[in-house]
N, C-alpha and C. Protein backbone atom coordinates (compact mmCIF):
# COMPACT_ATOMS: atom_id res chain seq x y z
N MET A 1 -4.46 -59.69 -24.97
CA MET A 1 -4.90 -59.45 -23.06
C MET A 1 -3.66 -57.99 -22.81
N LEU A 2 -3.96 -56.91 -22.42
CA LEU A 2 -2.58 -55.78 -22.51
C LEU A 2 -1.65 -55.44 -20.96
N ILE A 3 -1.04 -55.94 -20.93
CA ILE A 3 -0.04 -55.69 -19.31
C ILE A 3 0.30 -54.86 -19.73
N GLY A 4 0.61 -53.23 -18.28
CA GLY A 4 1.83 -53.46 -18.59
C GLY A 4 2.98 -53.15 -17.31
N TYR A 5 3.73 -53.01 -17.95
CA TYR A 5 4.69 -52.67 -16.40
C TYR A 5 5.59 -51.45 -16.57
N ALA A 6 6.27 -50.44 -14.98
CA ALA A 6 7.14 -49.23 -14.93
C ALA A 6 7.66 -49.51 -14.18
N ARG A 7 8.77 -49.50 -14.45
CA ARG A 7 9.69 -49.63 -13.19
C ARG A 7 10.73 -47.88 -12.82
N ALA A 8 10.43 -46.90 -11.99
CA ALA A 8 11.58 -45.53 -11.73
C ALA A 8 11.93 -45.38 -9.98
N ILE A 9 13.05 -44.81 -10.23
CA ILE A 9 12.95 -44.96 -8.91
C ILE A 9 12.06 -43.37 -9.03
N LEU A 10 11.79 -42.42 -8.95
CA LEU A 10 11.39 -41.45 -8.95
C LEU A 10 9.54 -40.61 -9.26
N PRO A 11 9.18 -41.46 -8.03
CA PRO A 11 7.29 -40.85 -8.59
C PRO A 11 6.85 -40.17 -9.64
N GLN A 12 7.15 -39.36 -10.16
CA GLN A 12 7.01 -38.49 -11.16
C GLN A 12 7.51 -39.33 -12.90
N SER A 13 8.31 -39.96 -12.88
CA SER A 13 8.63 -40.93 -14.10
C SER A 13 7.69 -42.53 -14.09
N LEU A 14 6.82 -42.40 -12.73
CA LEU A 14 6.18 -43.87 -12.32
C LEU A 14 5.73 -43.13 -13.32
N ASP A 15 4.42 -41.94 -12.91
CA ASP A 15 3.41 -41.87 -12.59
C ASP A 15 3.46 -41.93 -14.75
N GLU A 16 3.93 -40.57 -15.49
CA GLU A 16 3.98 -41.08 -16.61
C GLU A 16 4.44 -42.22 -17.72
N GLN A 17 5.24 -43.20 -17.43
CA GLN A 17 4.75 -43.91 -17.64
C GLN A 17 4.07 -45.00 -16.96
N ALA A 18 2.92 -45.36 -17.03
CA ALA A 18 1.36 -45.28 -16.17
C ALA A 18 0.57 -44.47 -17.24
N ARG A 19 0.53 -43.13 -17.28
CA ARG A 19 -0.41 -43.28 -18.01
C ARG A 19 -0.06 -43.66 -19.45
N ALA A 20 1.41 -43.34 -19.69
CA ALA A 20 1.76 -44.13 -21.56
C ALA A 20 1.24 -45.51 -22.05
N LEU A 21 0.76 -46.44 -20.61
CA LEU A 21 1.36 -47.46 -20.70
C LEU A 21 -0.48 -47.74 -21.21
N ALA A 22 -1.50 -46.61 -19.59
CA ALA A 22 -3.09 -46.63 -19.61
C ALA A 22 -3.27 -46.24 -21.28
N GLU A 23 -2.39 -44.76 -21.55
CA GLU A 23 -3.22 -44.55 -22.75
C GLU A 23 -3.15 -45.77 -23.81
N HIS A 24 -2.22 -46.07 -24.73
CA HIS A 24 -2.40 -47.37 -25.01
C HIS A 24 -1.97 -48.91 -24.59
N GLY A 25 -3.36 -48.48 -24.21
CA GLY A 25 -4.67 -49.62 -23.77
C GLY A 25 -4.74 -50.80 -22.66
N CYS A 26 -3.22 -50.97 -22.14
CA CYS A 26 -3.70 -51.79 -20.96
C CYS A 26 -4.24 -51.65 -20.27
N THR A 27 -4.97 -52.73 -19.28
CA THR A 27 -5.67 -52.70 -18.62
C THR A 27 -4.92 -53.15 -17.52
N GLN A 28 -4.41 -53.04 -17.20
CA GLN A 28 -3.69 -53.21 -16.31
C GLN A 28 -1.94 -52.99 -16.35
N VAL A 29 -2.08 -51.85 -15.68
CA VAL A 29 -0.17 -51.46 -15.64
C VAL A 29 0.13 -52.03 -13.46
N PHE A 30 1.31 -52.65 -13.92
CA PHE A 30 1.95 -52.67 -12.38
C PHE A 30 3.36 -52.19 -12.44
N THR A 31 3.69 -51.42 -11.66
CA THR A 31 4.70 -50.89 -11.35
C THR A 31 5.94 -51.70 -10.24
N ASP A 32 7.37 -51.30 -10.08
CA ASP A 32 8.51 -51.26 -9.13
C ASP A 32 9.05 -49.62 -9.52
N ARG A 33 9.31 -49.86 -8.08
CA ARG A 33 10.23 -47.86 -8.01
C ARG A 33 11.48 -48.79 -6.95
N ARG A 34 11.97 -49.18 -8.38
CA ARG A 34 13.54 -49.54 -7.69
C ARG A 34 14.88 -48.99 -9.54
N ALA A 35 15.34 -49.58 -8.51
CA ALA A 35 16.86 -49.27 -9.45
C ALA A 35 17.02 -50.19 -10.12
N GLY A 36 17.56 -49.51 -12.07
CA GLY A 36 17.71 -50.60 -13.50
C GLY A 36 18.65 -51.92 -12.95
N SER A 37 19.60 -52.03 -12.12
CA SER A 37 19.72 -52.87 -11.55
C SER A 37 18.77 -54.31 -10.43
N SER A 38 18.25 -53.42 -10.07
CA SER A 38 17.42 -54.47 -8.85
C SER A 38 17.04 -55.71 -9.78
N VAL A 39 18.06 -57.19 -8.71
CA VAL A 39 17.47 -57.76 -9.01
C VAL A 39 16.05 -58.34 -8.52
N VAL A 40 15.65 -57.27 -7.52
CA VAL A 40 13.83 -57.94 -6.94
C VAL A 40 12.96 -57.10 -8.23
N ARG A 41 12.51 -57.25 -8.46
CA ARG A 41 11.33 -57.02 -9.05
C ARG A 41 9.60 -57.63 -9.02
N PRO A 42 9.00 -57.15 -8.13
CA PRO A 42 7.47 -58.27 -7.31
C PRO A 42 6.44 -57.84 -8.32
N ALA A 43 6.76 -56.07 -8.95
CA ALA A 43 6.08 -55.61 -9.50
C ALA A 43 5.34 -56.31 -11.24
N LEU A 44 7.21 -56.68 -11.81
CA LEU A 44 7.29 -58.05 -12.97
C LEU A 44 6.23 -58.83 -12.74
N GLU A 45 7.11 -59.86 -12.06
CA GLU A 45 6.53 -60.92 -11.58
C GLU A 45 4.61 -61.26 -10.92
N GLN A 46 3.87 -60.20 -11.19
CA GLN A 46 2.37 -59.62 -10.99
C GLN A 46 2.07 -59.42 -12.40
N ALA A 47 3.05 -59.10 -13.44
CA ALA A 47 2.19 -58.64 -14.64
C ALA A 47 2.35 -59.95 -15.25
N LEU A 48 3.99 -61.12 -15.25
CA LEU A 48 4.26 -61.58 -15.80
C LEU A 48 2.52 -62.96 -15.58
N THR A 49 2.03 -63.24 -13.83
CA THR A 49 1.83 -64.23 -14.12
C THR A 49 -0.13 -63.92 -14.70
N ALA A 50 0.05 -62.50 -14.96
CA ALA A 50 -1.04 -62.08 -14.58
C ALA A 50 -1.68 -62.34 -16.58
N LEU A 51 -0.65 -62.22 -17.17
CA LEU A 51 -0.97 -62.84 -17.82
C LEU A 51 -1.11 -63.71 -19.41
N SER A 52 -1.49 -64.56 -19.76
CA SER A 52 -2.04 -65.77 -20.08
C SER A 52 -1.24 -65.79 -21.35
N PRO A 53 -0.98 -67.27 -22.18
CA PRO A 53 -0.53 -67.56 -23.21
C PRO A 53 -1.31 -66.73 -24.20
N GLY A 54 -0.37 -65.29 -25.59
CA GLY A 54 -0.83 -64.50 -26.58
C GLY A 54 -0.92 -63.14 -25.22
N GLY A 55 -0.33 -63.27 -24.38
CA GLY A 55 -0.52 -62.47 -23.56
C GLY A 55 -0.17 -61.50 -23.86
N VAL A 56 0.39 -59.57 -23.33
CA VAL A 56 1.27 -58.60 -25.13
C VAL A 56 1.78 -58.21 -22.91
N LEU A 57 3.41 -58.23 -23.17
CA LEU A 57 3.96 -57.08 -21.70
C LEU A 57 4.02 -55.83 -22.63
N ILE A 58 3.18 -55.06 -21.89
CA ILE A 58 3.67 -52.80 -22.98
C ILE A 58 4.67 -52.41 -22.27
N VAL A 59 5.76 -52.11 -22.00
CA VAL A 59 6.83 -51.02 -21.83
C VAL A 59 6.89 -49.39 -22.18
N THR A 60 6.88 -48.70 -21.68
CA THR A 60 6.56 -47.09 -22.73
C THR A 60 8.76 -47.70 -23.20
N ARG A 61 9.70 -47.87 -22.24
CA ARG A 61 11.05 -48.07 -23.10
C ARG A 61 11.81 -49.47 -22.79
N LEU A 62 12.32 -50.28 -23.35
CA LEU A 62 13.33 -51.88 -23.16
C LEU A 62 14.20 -51.37 -22.23
N GLU A 63 14.65 -50.10 -21.28
CA GLU A 63 15.23 -50.11 -20.09
C GLU A 63 14.58 -50.55 -19.40
N VAL A 64 13.94 -50.22 -19.33
CA VAL A 64 12.57 -50.89 -17.62
C VAL A 64 12.80 -52.01 -17.48
N LEU A 65 12.76 -52.91 -18.98
CA LEU A 65 12.90 -54.74 -18.86
C LEU A 65 14.05 -54.56 -18.40
N ALA A 66 15.30 -54.40 -18.52
CA ALA A 66 16.49 -54.04 -18.02
C ALA A 66 17.37 -53.28 -18.08
N HIS A 67 18.82 -53.68 -17.04
CA HIS A 67 19.97 -52.48 -17.56
C HIS A 67 21.38 -53.01 -18.51
N ASP A 68 20.55 -53.88 -19.03
CA ASP A 68 22.38 -54.63 -20.12
C ASP A 68 22.26 -55.16 -20.92
N HIS A 69 22.24 -55.48 -22.21
CA HIS A 69 21.84 -56.09 -22.77
C HIS A 69 21.56 -57.61 -23.16
N ARG A 70 22.26 -58.09 -21.50
CA ARG A 70 22.52 -59.47 -21.81
C ARG A 70 21.50 -59.40 -20.06
N ASP A 71 20.53 -58.42 -19.92
CA ASP A 71 18.91 -58.91 -18.72
C ASP A 71 18.18 -58.39 -19.64
N LEU A 72 18.70 -57.58 -20.24
CA LEU A 72 17.17 -57.67 -21.55
C LEU A 72 16.99 -59.00 -22.53
N MET A 73 18.53 -60.18 -22.93
CA MET A 73 18.49 -60.54 -23.74
C MET A 73 17.52 -61.95 -22.71
N GLN A 74 17.72 -62.20 -21.59
CA GLN A 74 16.87 -62.60 -20.65
C GLN A 74 15.80 -62.58 -20.73
N ALA A 75 15.28 -61.36 -20.15
CA ALA A 75 14.39 -61.06 -19.87
C ALA A 75 12.92 -61.46 -22.04
N VAL A 76 13.15 -60.73 -22.52
CA VAL A 76 12.06 -61.41 -24.01
C VAL A 76 12.41 -62.47 -23.80
N MET A 77 13.88 -63.61 -23.37
CA MET A 77 13.71 -64.52 -23.93
C MET A 77 13.55 -65.65 -23.03
N SER A 78 13.34 -64.39 -22.00
CA SER A 78 12.16 -65.44 -20.75
C SER A 78 10.13 -64.77 -21.57
N LEU A 79 10.50 -64.17 -21.87
CA LEU A 79 8.85 -63.34 -21.92
C LEU A 79 7.95 -64.73 -23.80
N ARG A 80 9.76 -65.14 -24.54
CA ARG A 80 9.10 -66.13 -25.17
C ARG A 80 9.17 -66.94 -24.90
N ARG A 81 9.46 -67.77 -23.51
CA ARG A 81 9.32 -69.61 -23.29
C ARG A 81 7.70 -69.25 -22.39
N ARG A 82 7.50 -67.86 -21.62
CA ARG A 82 5.75 -68.15 -21.69
C ARG A 82 4.72 -67.78 -23.01
N LYS A 83 5.69 -67.79 -23.88
CA LYS A 83 4.83 -66.67 -24.53
C LYS A 83 3.95 -65.80 -25.51
N LEU A 84 4.43 -64.89 -25.04
CA LEU A 84 3.85 -63.89 -24.33
C LEU A 84 4.19 -62.66 -25.34
N ASP A 85 4.00 -61.89 -26.24
CA ASP A 85 4.68 -60.69 -27.29
C ASP A 85 4.98 -59.93 -25.80
N LEU A 86 6.38 -58.89 -26.50
CA LEU A 86 6.44 -57.21 -26.07
C LEU A 86 6.52 -56.40 -26.92
N VAL A 87 5.87 -55.31 -25.93
CA VAL A 87 5.52 -54.12 -26.80
C VAL A 87 6.88 -52.21 -25.99
N ALA A 88 7.02 -52.44 -26.22
CA ALA A 88 8.37 -51.32 -26.55
C ALA A 88 7.43 -49.45 -26.74
N ILE A 89 6.83 -48.80 -26.41
CA ILE A 89 6.31 -48.51 -27.43
C ILE A 89 7.10 -46.81 -27.83
N GLU A 90 8.03 -46.46 -27.47
CA GLU A 90 8.72 -45.25 -27.36
C GLU A 90 9.41 -46.09 -28.62
N GLN A 91 10.41 -46.80 -28.92
CA GLN A 91 11.44 -47.75 -30.00
C GLN A 91 10.55 -48.37 -30.42
N GLY A 92 9.90 -48.30 -30.51
CA GLY A 92 8.54 -49.29 -31.96
C GLY A 92 9.19 -50.68 -32.17
N VAL A 93 9.29 -51.64 -30.52
CA VAL A 93 9.55 -52.58 -31.10
C VAL A 93 8.34 -53.23 -30.60
N ASP A 94 7.11 -54.40 -31.43
CA ASP A 94 6.34 -54.93 -31.48
C ASP A 94 6.18 -56.56 -31.79
N THR A 95 6.83 -57.31 -31.53
CA THR A 95 7.11 -58.26 -30.80
C THR A 95 6.25 -59.58 -32.26
N ARG A 96 4.30 -58.68 -31.56
CA ARG A 96 3.54 -59.07 -32.60
C ARG A 96 4.01 -59.40 -33.80
N GLU A 97 4.66 -58.24 -34.88
CA GLU A 97 4.31 -57.78 -36.05
C GLU A 97 5.57 -59.53 -36.45
N ALA A 98 4.82 -59.57 -37.81
CA ALA A 98 6.01 -60.29 -38.55
C ALA A 98 7.06 -59.80 -38.75
N ASP A 99 7.68 -58.71 -38.92
CA ASP A 99 8.79 -57.93 -39.87
C ASP A 99 9.68 -57.75 -38.29
N ASP A 100 9.16 -57.92 -36.77
CA ASP A 100 9.85 -57.71 -35.28
C ASP A 100 11.06 -58.63 -35.74
N ALA A 101 11.90 -58.21 -35.64
CA ALA A 101 13.26 -59.12 -35.26
C ALA A 101 13.96 -59.57 -34.28
N LEU A 102 12.95 -58.50 -33.42
CA LEU A 102 13.88 -58.66 -32.01
C LEU A 102 14.12 -59.91 -31.70
N PHE A 103 12.77 -60.73 -31.66
CA PHE A 103 13.42 -62.25 -31.03
C PHE A 103 14.75 -63.07 -31.60
N PRO A 104 14.01 -62.65 -32.83
CA PRO A 104 15.41 -63.91 -33.85
C PRO A 104 17.07 -63.52 -33.61
N ALA A 105 16.70 -62.40 -33.57
CA ALA A 105 17.81 -61.68 -33.13
C ALA A 105 18.27 -61.24 -31.83
N LEU A 106 17.28 -61.34 -30.40
CA LEU A 106 18.01 -62.27 -29.05
C LEU A 106 18.59 -63.68 -29.19
N ALA A 107 17.96 -64.19 -29.60
CA ALA A 107 17.96 -65.99 -29.43
C ALA A 107 19.14 -66.59 -30.30
N LEU A 108 19.83 -65.50 -31.09
CA LEU A 108 20.98 -65.78 -31.92
C LEU A 108 22.19 -64.82 -30.79
N LEU A 109 22.04 -64.13 -29.64
CA LEU A 109 22.70 -63.55 -29.33
C LEU A 109 22.93 -64.43 -28.47
N ALA A 110 21.35 -65.16 -27.84
CA ALA A 110 21.49 -66.14 -26.53
C ALA A 110 22.64 -66.79 -27.36
N ARG A 111 23.01 -67.91 -28.52
CA ARG A 111 22.93 -68.81 -28.62
C ARG A 111 24.35 -69.01 -28.53
N PHE A 112 25.30 -66.93 -29.54
CA PHE A 112 26.19 -67.07 -29.57
C PHE A 112 26.94 -66.84 -28.00
N GLN A 113 26.02 -66.40 -27.25
CA GLN A 113 26.51 -65.95 -25.31
C GLN A 113 26.70 -67.60 -25.19
N LEU A 114 25.79 -68.58 -24.95
CA LEU A 114 26.26 -69.70 -24.71
C LEU A 114 27.36 -70.66 -24.97
N ASP A 115 27.35 -70.66 -26.76
CA ASP A 115 28.87 -70.35 -27.01
C ASP A 115 29.65 -70.61 -26.65
N VAL A 116 29.96 -69.36 -26.77
CA VAL A 116 31.59 -68.92 -25.39
C VAL A 116 31.66 -69.18 -24.52
N ARG A 117 30.61 -69.20 -23.78
CA ARG A 117 30.38 -69.99 -22.12
C ARG A 117 30.88 -71.51 -22.18
N GLN A 118 30.49 -72.63 -22.74
CA GLN A 118 30.82 -73.63 -23.17
C GLN A 118 32.51 -73.61 -23.25
N ALA A 119 32.40 -73.33 -24.42
CA ALA A 119 34.15 -72.78 -24.98
C ALA A 119 34.90 -72.35 -23.27
N ARG A 120 34.54 -71.03 -22.66
CA ARG A 120 35.50 -71.00 -21.61
C ARG A 120 35.61 -72.64 -20.82
N LYS A 121 33.96 -72.39 -20.54
CA LYS A 121 34.22 -74.12 -19.63
C LYS A 121 35.82 -75.13 -19.42
N THR A 122 35.17 -75.14 -20.39
CA THR A 122 35.99 -76.56 -21.20
C THR A 122 37.91 -76.16 -20.68
N GLU A 123 37.88 -73.96 -21.48
CA GLU A 123 38.92 -74.01 -22.01
C GLU A 123 39.63 -74.75 -19.48
N GLN A 124 38.11 -74.27 -19.13
CA GLN A 124 38.67 -74.00 -17.46
C GLN A 124 38.97 -75.17 -16.74
N ALA A 125 37.86 -76.70 -17.29
CA ALA A 125 38.74 -78.46 -17.26
C ALA A 125 39.42 -78.47 -17.22
N ALA A 126 40.06 -77.67 -19.00
CA ALA A 126 41.36 -77.70 -18.95
C ALA A 126 43.07 -77.60 -17.41
N GLU A 127 42.73 -76.51 -17.47
CA GLU A 127 43.71 -75.81 -16.07
C GLU A 127 42.82 -76.30 -15.05
N PRO A 128 43.89 -77.08 -13.89
CA PRO A 128 42.86 -77.06 -12.58
C PRO A 128 42.68 -75.68 -12.39
N ALA A 129 41.35 -75.08 -11.01
CA ALA A 129 41.86 -73.64 -9.97
C ALA A 129 43.32 -74.90 -9.10
N PRO A 130 43.62 -73.28 -9.10
CA PRO A 130 44.66 -73.23 -8.16
C PRO A 130 43.82 -73.36 -6.67
N LYS A 131 44.82 -74.45 -5.62
CA LYS A 131 44.59 -74.81 -4.39
C LYS A 131 43.77 -73.72 -3.77
N GLY A 132 43.11 -73.96 -2.52
CA GLY A 132 42.91 -73.22 -1.90
C GLY A 132 42.06 -71.29 -2.17
N ARG A 133 42.07 -71.27 -3.60
CA ARG A 133 40.62 -70.86 -4.09
C ARG A 133 39.41 -71.18 -4.53
N ARG A 134 39.27 -70.86 -4.42
CA ARG A 134 37.97 -70.34 -5.42
C ARG A 134 37.27 -70.16 -6.72
N ARG A 135 37.35 -70.72 -7.15
CA ARG A 135 36.48 -69.14 -8.93
C ARG A 135 35.31 -68.97 -8.65
N ALA A 136 35.92 -67.28 -9.12
CA ALA A 136 34.42 -66.26 -9.00
C ALA A 136 33.50 -65.76 -9.52
N ILE A 137 32.18 -66.09 -9.31
CA ILE A 137 31.50 -65.94 -10.14
C ILE A 137 31.32 -64.92 -11.37
N SER A 138 32.36 -65.48 -12.08
CA SER A 138 31.51 -64.41 -13.63
C SER A 138 30.34 -62.96 -13.98
N ASP A 139 30.44 -62.39 -15.04
CA ASP A 139 29.25 -61.36 -14.88
C ASP A 139 28.39 -62.21 -15.78
N ASP A 140 29.05 -62.90 -17.14
CA ASP A 140 28.40 -64.36 -17.78
C ASP A 140 27.57 -64.82 -17.33
N ASP A 141 28.75 -65.43 -16.67
CA ASP A 141 27.83 -66.88 -15.80
C ASP A 141 26.80 -66.53 -15.35
N TRP A 142 26.43 -65.21 -14.79
CA TRP A 142 26.07 -64.94 -13.85
C TRP A 142 24.74 -64.10 -13.30
N SER A 143 25.06 -63.84 -15.14
CA SER A 143 23.58 -63.22 -15.16
C SER A 143 22.49 -64.56 -16.10
N ASP A 144 23.01 -65.66 -16.62
CA ASP A 144 21.71 -66.07 -17.33
C ASP A 144 21.85 -67.35 -15.72
N ILE A 145 22.92 -67.18 -14.17
CA ILE A 145 22.61 -68.07 -13.16
C ILE A 145 21.91 -67.44 -12.88
N ARG A 146 21.40 -66.00 -12.68
CA ARG A 146 20.93 -65.09 -11.37
C ARG A 146 19.16 -65.20 -12.10
N HIS A 147 18.61 -64.98 -13.99
CA HIS A 147 17.74 -65.32 -14.53
C HIS A 147 16.81 -66.37 -14.03
N ARG A 148 17.77 -67.70 -14.07
CA ARG A 148 17.45 -69.10 -14.01
C ARG A 148 16.77 -69.21 -12.65
N ILE A 149 17.07 -68.21 -11.76
CA ILE A 149 17.14 -68.61 -9.69
C ILE A 149 15.47 -67.67 -9.93
N GLU A 150 15.65 -67.08 -10.57
CA GLU A 150 15.08 -65.66 -10.73
C GLU A 150 13.48 -66.74 -11.30
N ASP A 151 13.47 -66.95 -11.83
CA ASP A 151 12.27 -67.70 -12.77
C ASP A 151 11.72 -69.01 -12.00
N GLY A 152 12.31 -69.85 -10.89
CA GLY A 152 12.46 -71.36 -10.10
C GLY A 152 12.06 -71.76 -11.19
N GLU A 153 14.24 -72.05 -12.05
CA GLU A 153 15.15 -73.69 -12.89
C GLU A 153 15.65 -73.94 -11.79
N LEU A 154 16.31 -72.44 -10.84
CA LEU A 154 17.70 -73.19 -10.21
C LEU A 154 17.11 -72.82 -8.33
N THR A 155 17.31 -73.92 -8.34
CA THR A 155 17.95 -73.41 -6.38
C THR A 155 19.07 -72.35 -7.04
N VAL A 156 19.41 -72.49 -4.88
CA VAL A 156 20.69 -71.57 -5.36
C VAL A 156 21.67 -73.05 -4.49
N GLU A 157 21.36 -73.97 -4.53
CA GLU A 157 22.25 -75.29 -4.57
C GLU A 157 22.60 -75.22 -5.93
N GLU A 158 21.63 -75.60 -6.50
CA GLU A 158 21.82 -76.14 -8.31
C GLU A 158 23.03 -75.45 -8.48
N ALA A 159 22.27 -73.92 -8.33
CA ALA A 159 23.47 -72.77 -9.14
C ALA A 159 24.53 -72.95 -8.44
N ALA A 160 25.10 -73.49 -7.72
CA ALA A 160 26.38 -72.86 -6.31
C ALA A 160 26.81 -73.84 -7.12
N GLU A 161 26.56 -74.92 -7.43
CA GLU A 161 27.22 -76.71 -8.27
C GLU A 161 27.28 -76.02 -9.61
N GLU A 162 26.39 -75.40 -10.35
CA GLU A 162 26.94 -75.14 -11.25
C GLU A 162 28.19 -74.45 -12.06
N LEU A 163 27.51 -73.81 -10.51
CA LEU A 163 28.63 -73.24 -11.65
C LEU A 163 30.35 -73.16 -10.55
N GLU A 164 30.21 -74.20 -9.51
CA GLU A 164 31.36 -74.84 -9.08
C GLU A 164 31.62 -73.38 -7.88
N VAL A 165 30.36 -73.23 -7.65
CA VAL A 165 31.20 -72.61 -5.68
C VAL A 165 30.14 -73.01 -5.06
N ASP A 166 30.79 -72.37 -3.32
CA ASP A 166 29.27 -72.83 -2.17
C ASP A 166 29.17 -71.32 -2.38
N PRO A 167 27.49 -72.21 -1.96
CA PRO A 167 26.16 -71.19 -2.28
C PRO A 167 26.26 -71.02 -1.60
N ALA A 168 27.47 -70.99 -0.45
CA ALA A 168 27.50 -69.60 0.00
C ALA A 168 27.71 -68.34 -0.74
N THR A 169 28.62 -68.10 -1.37
CA THR A 169 28.42 -67.65 -2.61
C THR A 169 27.69 -66.65 -3.61
N VAL A 170 26.65 -67.47 -3.35
CA VAL A 170 25.19 -67.39 -4.67
C VAL A 170 25.28 -67.17 -4.29
N GLN A 171 24.99 -66.90 -2.57
CA GLN A 171 23.20 -65.81 -1.40
C GLN A 171 24.58 -64.41 -1.65
N ARG A 172 25.29 -64.32 -1.31
CA ARG A 172 26.25 -63.29 -1.52
C ARG A 172 25.52 -62.33 -2.79
N ARG A 173 26.01 -62.59 -3.57
CA ARG A 173 25.49 -62.00 -4.99
C ARG A 173 24.60 -61.76 -4.66
N LEU A 174 23.20 -62.84 -4.60
CA LEU A 174 21.77 -61.65 -5.09
C LEU A 174 21.79 -61.55 -3.81
N LYS A 175 22.56 -61.20 -2.59
CA LYS A 175 21.67 -60.01 -2.19
C LYS A 175 22.87 -58.75 -2.10
N GLN A 176 23.77 -58.55 -2.93
CA GLN A 176 24.46 -57.46 -3.09
C GLN A 176 23.51 -57.15 -4.44
N GLU A 177 22.84 -57.72 -4.66
CA GLU A 177 22.38 -57.31 -6.42
C GLU A 177 20.71 -56.57 -5.97
N ALA A 178 20.06 -56.98 -4.79
CA ALA A 178 18.41 -56.34 -4.29
C ALA A 178 19.05 -55.16 -3.88
């Protein structure tokens, strides 16, 4: 099954994407009219729910899924966990092809990012934080946690515990990006 996903702010951009996705064989096209950094993308969730393992999510460009490399990595790894493939029409990405290097490259980057994060946490644990100050949420930590919250893997309270901040801090960060 081929499902399309489009995201843009301008209606004409959404229309262009939807036409391209339909021409590429998508049986359904889901659209979000939001900026790239928006955490809330209900149509993307609907598209993913409509796909069963072995299905294909089709976008016109990778930036429809993500606003930076970390966000892309999380989105692609989430697709992989769900046993879904990805096609980005304009960039020639097709994870159904045996020689497509996107998943292996992103898996390597994800492992690297986890190793770096673990090293930082180990270093931070060795140095106690000054009393009376809470540790801020780093962008590296937030990217991973945000996606895990969106995927339902973590509650806000669990995320706060893992980040060693108050749940209110996590809530504020979620509201900032909504």
